[in-house]
């Protein structure tokens, strides 16, 4: 019942049906210290919307890799959203970004 978890559930409930079909889950990763929303995309693997931990941090949309790429990275940051948006706006921006870039079909 932390603030990021409440924020993640609120945003997840506002996501459109297209995102719900991608297997949306609210997750808490204690190893990497983030709470977020995980999208199980078929085209590119898991994509995670990480909740900000402080007032200055932005929302981060990150694509995780199953295996490290050639550069040894386990994730790629796709986009950042400032905290000026309300949960409905974050849900809309995230869904539209994933749809328009081919992550969701």
Protein backbone atom coordinates (compact mmCIF):
# COMPACT_ATOMS: atom_id res chain seq x y z
CA UNK A 1 0.00 0.00 0.00
CA UNK A 2 2.79 2.42 -0.84
CA UNK A 3 2.18 5.60 -2.82
CA UNK A 4 3.84 4.23 -6.03
CA UNK A 5 1.73 1.05 -5.77
CA UNK A 6 -1.48 3.04 -5.42
CA UNK A 7 -0.45 5.24 -8.37
CA UNK A 8 0.39 2.15 -10.48
CA UNK A 9 -2.99 0.53 -9.78
CA UNK A 10 -4.80 3.77 -10.58
CA UNK A 11 -3.01 4.11 -13.93
CA UNK A 12 -3.48 0.41 -14.73
CA UNK A 13 -7.24 0.74 -14.17
CA UNK A 14 -7.37 3.64 -16.65
CA UNK A 15 -5.52 1.85 -19.47
CA UNK A 16 -7.54 1.08 -22.61
CA UNK A 17 -8.63 -2.45 -23.55
CA UNK A 18 -5.77 -2.77 -26.04
CA UNK A 19 -3.31 -2.64 -23.14
CA UNK A 20 -5.35 -5.01 -21.01
CA UNK A 21 -5.10 -7.61 -23.77
CA UNK A 22 -1.29 -7.35 -23.53
CA UNK A 23 -1.35 -8.85 -20.06
CA UNK A 24 -0.94 -5.79 -17.82
CA UNK A 25 0.34 -6.50 -14.30
CA UNK A 26 1.28 -4.20 -11.43
CA UNK A 27 4.67 -5.34 -10.13
CA UNK A 28 7.13 -4.45 -7.41
CA UNK A 29 10.76 -5.35 -8.06
CA UNK A 30 12.63 -5.13 -4.77
CA UNK A 31 15.95 -6.09 -6.40
CA UNK A 32 15.94 -3.06 -8.70
CA UNK A 33 13.84 -0.95 -6.31
CA UNK A 34 10.91 0.07 -8.48
CA UNK A 35 7.15 -0.34 -8.67
CA UNK A 36 5.54 -0.30 -12.08
CA UNK A 37 3.14 -1.66 -14.65
CA UNK A 38 4.38 -4.53 -16.82
CA UNK A 39 3.07 -5.00 -20.37
CA UNK A 40 3.72 -8.47 -21.82
CA UNK A 41 4.09 -7.50 -25.47
CA UNK A 42 4.45 -10.26 -28.05
CA UNK A 43 6.48 -8.17 -30.47
CA UNK A 44 9.27 -6.96 -28.19
CA UNK A 45 9.04 -8.70 -24.83
CA UNK A 46 8.19 -7.04 -21.54
CA UNK A 47 7.79 -3.26 -21.35
CA UNK A 48 7.55 -1.61 -17.94
CA UNK A 49 6.16 1.76 -16.91
CA UNK A 50 8.17 2.59 -13.77
CA UNK A 51 6.56 4.82 -11.15
CA UNK A 52 8.61 7.76 -9.84
CA UNK A 53 10.08 7.35 -6.37
CA UNK A 54 10.56 11.05 -5.57
CA UNK A 55 8.80 14.28 -6.58
CA UNK A 56 11.55 15.14 -9.07
CA UNK A 57 11.73 11.76 -10.86
CA UNK A 58 9.76 11.23 -14.08
CA UNK A 59 7.77 8.18 -15.10
CA UNK A 60 10.00 5.89 -17.17
CA UNK A 61 8.91 3.52 -19.94
CA UNK A 62 11.53 0.76 -20.20
CA UNK A 63 11.86 -2.28 -22.46
CA UNK A 64 13.47 -5.23 -20.66
CA UNK A 65 15.44 -7.92 -22.47
CA UNK A 66 15.39 -11.60 -21.57
CA UNK A 67 19.07 -11.93 -22.50
CA UNK A 68 21.64 -9.11 -22.63
CA UNK A 69 22.10 -7.48 -26.02
CA UNK A 70 25.48 -7.09 -27.75
CA UNK A 71 26.32 -4.08 -25.59
CA UNK A 72 25.48 -6.02 -22.41
CA UNK A 73 22.35 -4.00 -21.60
CA UNK A 74 19.39 -5.64 -19.91
CA UNK A 75 16.99 -2.74 -20.59
CA UNK A 76 16.46 0.23 -22.87
CA UNK A 77 14.66 3.38 -21.78
CA UNK A 78 12.02 4.19 -24.38
CA UNK A 79 10.52 7.39 -22.99
CA UNK A 80 10.15 9.60 -19.93
CA UNK A 81 6.98 11.39 -18.78
CA UNK A 82 7.09 14.30 -16.33
CA UNK A 83 4.86 14.15 -13.28
CA UNK A 84 2.76 17.09 -14.49
CA UNK A 85 0.20 14.67 -15.98
CA UNK A 86 -2.67 13.13 -14.06
CA UNK A 87 -3.05 9.31 -14.00
CA UNK A 88 -5.53 9.40 -16.89
CA UNK A 89 -3.01 11.32 -19.01
CA UNK A 90 -0.17 8.92 -18.17
CA UNK A 91 -2.38 5.95 -19.11
CA UNK A 92 -3.32 7.58 -22.42
CA UNK A 93 0.25 8.64 -23.31
CA UNK A 94 1.63 5.20 -22.46
CA UNK A 95 -1.01 3.31 -24.43
CA UNK A 96 -0.66 5.59 -27.44
CA UNK A 97 3.15 5.34 -27.41
CA UNK A 98 3.06 1.54 -27.23
CA UNK A 99 0.41 1.30 -29.95
CA UNK A 100 2.05 3.74 -32.36
CA UNK A 101 5.49 2.13 -32.02
CA UNK A 102 4.25 -1.40 -32.71
CA UNK A 103 4.48 -2.86 -29.21
CA UNK A 104 0.72 -3.51 -29.07
CA UNK A 105 -1.33 -4.96 -31.88
